[in-house]
């Protein structure tokens, strides 16, 4: 396995903890990528708390 593969094996609990820490610290556009979690896999407008429809291209 390559180095990147080992970095991507992060426990879900750790990702949720990092999410909570960053939101508490005041970051507004926080999401957890590559995780089947409808609430945390997307980012929301901090003013209206509505889902932002962001399309990632060219990556």
N, C-alpha and C. Protein backbone atom coordinates (compact mmCIF):
# COMPACT_ATOMS: atom_id res chain seq x y z
N UNK A 1 0.84 -1.18 0.00
CA UNK A 1 0.00 0.00 0.00
C UNK A 1 0.89 1.24 0.00
N UNK A 2 0.46 2.26 -0.72
CA UNK A 2 1.25 3.50 -0.77
C UNK A 2 0.97 4.38 0.45
N UNK A 3 1.75 5.43 0.59
CA UNK A 3 1.61 6.31 1.76
C UNK A 3 0.24 6.99 1.81
N UNK A 4 -0.27 7.38 0.66
CA UNK A 4 -1.59 8.03 0.62
C UNK A 4 -2.66 7.07 1.13
N UNK A 5 -2.61 5.83 0.72
CA UNK A 5 -3.59 4.83 1.15
C UNK A 5 -3.64 4.67 2.65
N UNK A 6 -2.50 4.75 3.30
CA UNK A 6 -2.49 4.61 4.75
C UNK A 6 -3.04 5.85 5.43
N UNK A 7 -2.90 7.00 4.81
CA UNK A 7 -3.44 8.23 5.39
C UNK A 7 -4.96 8.28 5.30
N UNK A 8 -5.53 7.62 4.32
CA UNK A 8 -6.98 7.69 4.12
C UNK A 8 -7.75 6.73 5.02
N UNK A 9 -7.08 5.93 5.79
CA UNK A 9 -7.75 4.98 6.66
C UNK A 9 -7.95 5.59 8.05
N UNK A 10 -8.68 6.69 8.10
CA UNK A 10 -8.91 7.42 9.35
C UNK A 10 -10.27 6.99 9.91
N UNK A 11 -10.35 6.64 11.18
CA UNK A 11 -11.63 6.23 11.77
C UNK A 11 -12.69 7.33 11.66
N UNK A 12 -13.92 6.93 11.43
CA UNK A 12 -15.03 7.86 11.31
C UNK A 12 -15.17 8.73 12.55
N UNK A 13 -14.97 8.15 13.71
CA UNK A 13 -15.07 8.90 14.96
C UNK A 13 -14.07 10.05 14.99
N UNK A 14 -12.87 9.82 14.47
CA UNK A 14 -11.84 10.86 14.43
C UNK A 14 -12.25 11.98 13.48
N UNK A 15 -12.84 11.63 12.35
CA UNK A 15 -13.29 12.64 11.39
C UNK A 15 -14.41 13.50 11.98
N UNK A 16 -15.34 12.87 12.70
CA UNK A 16 -16.42 13.63 13.33
C UNK A 16 -15.88 14.56 14.42
N UNK A 17 -14.88 14.09 15.16
CA UNK A 17 -14.27 14.92 16.19
C UNK A 17 -13.59 16.14 15.57
N UNK A 18 -12.87 15.92 14.46
CA UNK A 18 -12.22 17.02 13.76
C UNK A 18 -13.25 18.01 13.22
N UNK A 19 -14.36 17.51 12.72
CA UNK A 19 -15.45 18.35 12.22
C UNK A 19 -15.96 19.26 13.34
N UNK A 20 -16.23 18.67 14.49
CA UNK A 20 -16.76 19.44 15.63
C UNK A 20 -15.75 20.50 16.10
N UNK A 21 -14.48 20.13 16.14
CA UNK A 21 -13.43 21.07 16.56
C UNK A 21 -13.35 22.26 15.61
N UNK A 22 -13.37 22.00 14.32
CA UNK A 22 -13.24 23.09 13.34
C UNK A 22 -14.47 24.00 13.35
N UNK A 23 -15.66 23.42 13.52
CA UNK A 23 -16.87 24.25 13.59
C UNK A 23 -16.85 25.11 14.86
N UNK A 24 -16.42 24.53 15.98
CA UNK A 24 -16.33 25.26 17.23
C UNK A 24 -15.31 26.39 17.14
N UNK A 25 -14.26 26.16 16.35
CA UNK A 25 -13.21 27.17 16.18
C UNK A 25 -13.67 28.33 15.28
N UNK A 26 -14.82 28.18 14.63
CA UNK A 26 -15.36 29.27 13.83
C UNK A 26 -15.26 29.09 12.33
N UNK A 27 -14.72 27.97 11.87
CA UNK A 27 -14.69 27.74 10.43
C UNK A 27 -16.11 27.50 9.94
N UNK A 28 -16.46 28.06 8.79
CA UNK A 28 -17.85 28.01 8.33
C UNK A 28 -18.13 26.96 7.27
N UNK A 29 -17.19 26.67 6.42
CA UNK A 29 -17.44 25.76 5.30
C UNK A 29 -16.72 24.43 5.53
N UNK A 30 -17.17 23.71 6.52
CA UNK A 30 -16.53 22.46 6.93
C UNK A 30 -17.37 21.29 6.45
N UNK A 31 -16.72 20.26 5.93
CA UNK A 31 -17.40 19.03 5.57
C UNK A 31 -16.41 17.88 5.63
N UNK A 32 -16.94 16.67 5.73
CA UNK A 32 -16.12 15.47 5.73
C UNK A 32 -16.31 14.82 4.37
N UNK A 33 -15.25 14.73 3.60
CA UNK A 33 -15.34 14.12 2.27
C UNK A 33 -15.15 12.62 2.31
N UNK A 34 -15.65 11.97 1.27
CA UNK A 34 -15.49 10.52 1.09
C UNK A 34 -16.01 9.71 2.27
N UNK A 35 -17.14 10.13 2.79
CA UNK A 35 -17.75 9.44 3.91
C UNK A 35 -19.26 9.40 3.67
N UNK A 36 -19.87 8.25 3.86
CA UNK A 36 -21.32 8.14 3.65
C UNK A 36 -22.03 8.66 4.89
N UNK A 37 -22.15 9.97 4.95
CA UNK A 37 -22.78 10.65 6.07
C UNK A 37 -23.48 11.87 5.49
N UNK A 38 -24.76 11.78 5.29
CA UNK A 38 -25.51 12.84 4.61
C UNK A 38 -25.36 14.20 5.26
N UNK A 39 -25.25 14.26 6.56
CA UNK A 39 -25.16 15.54 7.25
C UNK A 39 -23.80 16.18 7.12
N UNK A 40 -22.74 15.40 7.21
CA UNK A 40 -21.39 15.95 7.29
C UNK A 40 -20.60 15.87 5.99
N UNK A 41 -21.12 15.22 4.95
CA UNK A 41 -20.36 15.10 3.71
C UNK A 41 -20.56 16.30 2.78
N UNK A 42 -21.40 17.22 3.17
CA UNK A 42 -21.65 18.41 2.38
C UNK A 42 -21.38 19.65 3.23
N UNK A 43 -21.30 20.78 2.58
CA UNK A 43 -21.11 22.03 3.32
C UNK A 43 -22.37 22.88 3.18
N UNK A 44 -22.62 23.67 4.20
CA UNK A 44 -23.85 24.44 4.27
C UNK A 44 -23.55 25.93 4.38
N UNK A 45 -24.47 26.74 3.87
CA UNK A 45 -24.37 28.18 3.98
C UNK A 45 -24.46 28.55 5.46
N UNK A 46 -23.45 29.26 5.99
CA UNK A 46 -23.48 29.58 7.41
C UNK A 46 -24.59 30.56 7.79
N UNK A 47 -25.05 31.33 6.84
CA UNK A 47 -26.10 32.32 7.14
C UNK A 47 -27.50 31.69 7.14
N UNK A 48 -27.78 30.84 6.13
CA UNK A 48 -29.11 30.28 5.98
C UNK A 48 -29.20 28.80 6.34
N UNK A 49 -28.06 28.18 6.64
CA UNK A 49 -27.99 26.76 6.97
C UNK A 49 -28.60 25.89 5.88
N UNK A 50 -28.39 26.28 4.62
CA UNK A 50 -28.88 25.51 3.49
C UNK A 50 -27.70 24.85 2.78
N UNK A 51 -27.94 23.68 2.23
CA UNK A 51 -26.92 22.93 1.52
C UNK A 51 -26.39 23.72 0.34
N UNK A 52 -25.07 23.81 0.24
CA UNK A 52 -24.45 24.46 -0.91
C UNK A 52 -24.20 23.40 -1.97
N UNK A 53 -24.56 23.70 -3.18
CA UNK A 53 -24.40 22.77 -4.29
C UNK A 53 -23.10 23.11 -5.00
N UNK A 54 -22.01 22.52 -4.54
CA UNK A 54 -20.70 22.77 -5.12
C UNK A 54 -20.30 21.59 -5.98
N UNK A 55 -19.88 21.87 -7.19
CA UNK A 55 -19.45 20.81 -8.10
C UNK A 55 -17.94 20.90 -8.25
N UNK A 56 -17.25 19.83 -7.93
CA UNK A 56 -15.80 19.78 -8.03
C UNK A 56 -15.40 19.29 -9.41
N UNK A 57 -14.60 20.06 -10.11
CA UNK A 57 -14.16 19.66 -11.44
C UNK A 57 -12.66 19.78 -11.56
N UNK A 58 -12.12 18.96 -12.43
CA UNK A 58 -10.70 19.07 -12.76
C UNK A 58 -9.75 18.50 -11.74
N UNK A 59 -10.27 17.68 -10.87
CA UNK A 59 -9.38 17.09 -9.86
C UNK A 59 -9.13 15.64 -10.21
